[in-house]
Amino acid sequence: KGYIAKCRFFIGARTHSTIAAYSSCVPTLVVGYSVKAIGIARDLFGIEDNYVISVQSLEKEEDVLNHFRWLCDHEKEIKTKLEIKMETYKIKSYSAGDALKKLW
């Protein structure tokens, strides 16, 4: 995760690597092959368009490049969305810890 966090952008296909990028607020393009990739993108951004490209939909050599260019053009917006979402997740995780303490 440390190396991924140092990236300005990330293109990945494996779920754990893309989650590492997202959680480090690195704008990420997922070359998806599962519904998990779509679900994670929807949870973070509300949509999967431009964040996930299906392996089955790749037709031309420039398909991934075009999606990457979109990512570059929206870098600041994506980073801001990820920073807000990660902060929200942190707050929720703390409240879950508090709930566990009450049960203990």
Protein backbone atom coordinates (compact mmCIF):
# COMPACT_ATOMS: atom_id res chain seq x y z
CA LYS A 1 0.00 0.00 0.00
CA GLY A 2 2.91 2.36 0.68
CA TYR A 3 4.09 2.30 -2.92
CA ILE A 4 0.57 2.73 -4.26
CA ALA A 5 -0.02 5.70 -1.93
CA LYS A 6 2.95 7.48 -3.53
CA CYS A 7 1.37 7.27 -6.98
CA ARG A 8 -0.32 10.25 -8.57
CA PHE A 9 -2.67 7.91 -10.49
CA PHE A 10 -3.28 4.19 -10.39
CA ILE A 11 -4.64 1.68 -12.90
CA GLY A 12 -5.38 -1.69 -11.40
CA ALA A 13 -7.37 -4.87 -11.82
CA ARG A 14 -7.03 -6.56 -8.43
CA THR A 15 -9.50 -5.48 -5.77
CA HIS A 16 -7.00 -5.14 -2.92
CA SER A 17 -4.68 -2.94 -4.95
CA THR A 18 -7.49 -0.64 -6.07
CA ILE A 19 -8.82 -0.36 -2.52
CA ALA A 20 -5.30 0.57 -1.41
CA ALA A 21 -5.27 3.32 -4.03
CA TYR A 22 -8.75 4.58 -3.17
CA SER A 23 -8.01 4.62 0.56
CA SER A 24 -4.85 6.62 -0.14
CA CYS A 25 -6.91 9.11 -2.20
CA VAL A 26 -5.12 8.21 -5.42
CA PRO A 27 -7.32 8.70 -8.53
CA THR A 28 -7.84 5.16 -9.79
CA LEU A 29 -9.01 3.51 -12.97
CA VAL A 30 -10.16 -0.05 -12.35
CA VAL A 31 -9.93 -2.53 -15.18
CA GLY A 32 -12.82 -4.52 -13.77
CA TYR A 33 -13.84 -8.05 -14.20
CA SER A 34 -16.26 -8.39 -11.28
CA VAL A 35 -19.31 -6.75 -9.79
CA LYS A 36 -17.17 -5.80 -6.77
CA ALA A 37 -15.31 -3.20 -8.81
CA ILE A 38 -18.56 -1.60 -9.90
CA GLY A 39 -20.01 -1.70 -6.38
CA ILE A 40 -16.97 -0.05 -4.84
CA ALA A 41 -16.96 2.72 -7.46
CA ARG A 42 -20.68 3.33 -6.93
CA ASP A 43 -20.17 3.50 -3.18
CA LEU A 44 -17.36 6.04 -3.55
CA PHE A 45 -18.58 8.15 -6.47
CA GLY A 46 -22.24 7.27 -7.00
CA ILE A 47 -21.45 5.90 -10.48
CA GLU A 48 -18.96 3.57 -12.08
CA ASP A 49 -18.69 5.35 -15.44
CA ASN A 50 -15.12 6.53 -16.05
CA TYR A 51 -13.92 4.84 -12.85
CA VAL A 52 -14.32 1.23 -13.98
CA ILE A 53 -13.72 -0.11 -17.46
CA SER A 54 -14.93 -3.63 -18.10
CA VAL A 55 -12.39 -6.01 -19.56
CA GLN A 56 -15.11 -7.31 -21.86
CA SER A 57 -15.75 -3.81 -23.24
CA LEU A 58 -12.16 -3.22 -24.35
CA GLU A 59 -12.27 -3.04 -28.14
CA LYS A 60 -9.58 -0.61 -29.27
CA GLU A 61 -6.03 -0.10 -28.10
CA GLU A 62 -6.82 3.44 -26.96
CA ASP A 63 -9.78 2.50 -24.72
CA VAL A 64 -7.73 2.39 -21.53
CA LEU A 65 -5.77 5.46 -22.58
CA ASN A 66 -8.97 7.46 -23.13
CA HIS A 67 -10.27 6.49 -19.70
CA PHE A 68 -6.92 7.40 -18.16
CA ARG A 69 -7.05 10.81 -19.85
CA TRP A 70 -10.46 11.39 -18.28
CA LEU A 71 -8.97 10.49 -14.91
CA CYS A 72 -6.15 12.99 -15.46
CA ASP A 73 -8.58 15.74 -16.49
CA HIS A 74 -10.59 15.22 -13.27
CA GLU A 75 -7.69 14.59 -10.88
CA LYS A 76 -8.46 17.31 -8.34
CA GLU A 77 -12.18 16.58 -8.27
CA ILE A 78 -11.55 12.86 -7.74
CA LYS A 79 -8.99 13.44 -4.99
CA THR A 80 -11.40 15.77 -3.19
CA LYS A 81 -14.21 13.21 -3.40
CA LEU A 82 -11.92 10.48 -2.09
CA GLU A 83 -10.63 12.65 0.77
CA ILE A 84 -14.19 13.42 1.88
CA LYS A 85 -15.29 9.80 1.56
CA MET A 86 -12.26 8.44 3.44
CA GLU A 87 -12.84 10.91 6.29
CA THR A 88 -16.46 9.76 6.46
CA TYR A 89 -15.33 6.12 6.61
CA LYS A 90 -12.89 6.93 9.43
CA ILE A 91 -15.61 8.61 11.46
CA LYS A 92 -17.93 5.64 10.93
CA SER A 93 -15.20 3.21 11.97
CA TYR A 94 -14.64 5.12 15.22
CA SER A 95 -18.35 5.01 16.00
CA ALA A 96 -18.33 1.26 15.37
CA GLY A 97 -15.49 0.94 17.90
CA ASP A 98 -17.53 2.92 20.42
CA ALA A 99 -20.50 0.59 19.86
CA LEU A 100 -18.26 -2.43 20.48
CA LYS A 101 -16.97 -0.89 23.72
CA LYS A 102 -20.54 -0.51 24.94
CA LEU A 103 -21.18 -4.19 24.26
CA TRP A 104 -18.03 -5.21 26.08
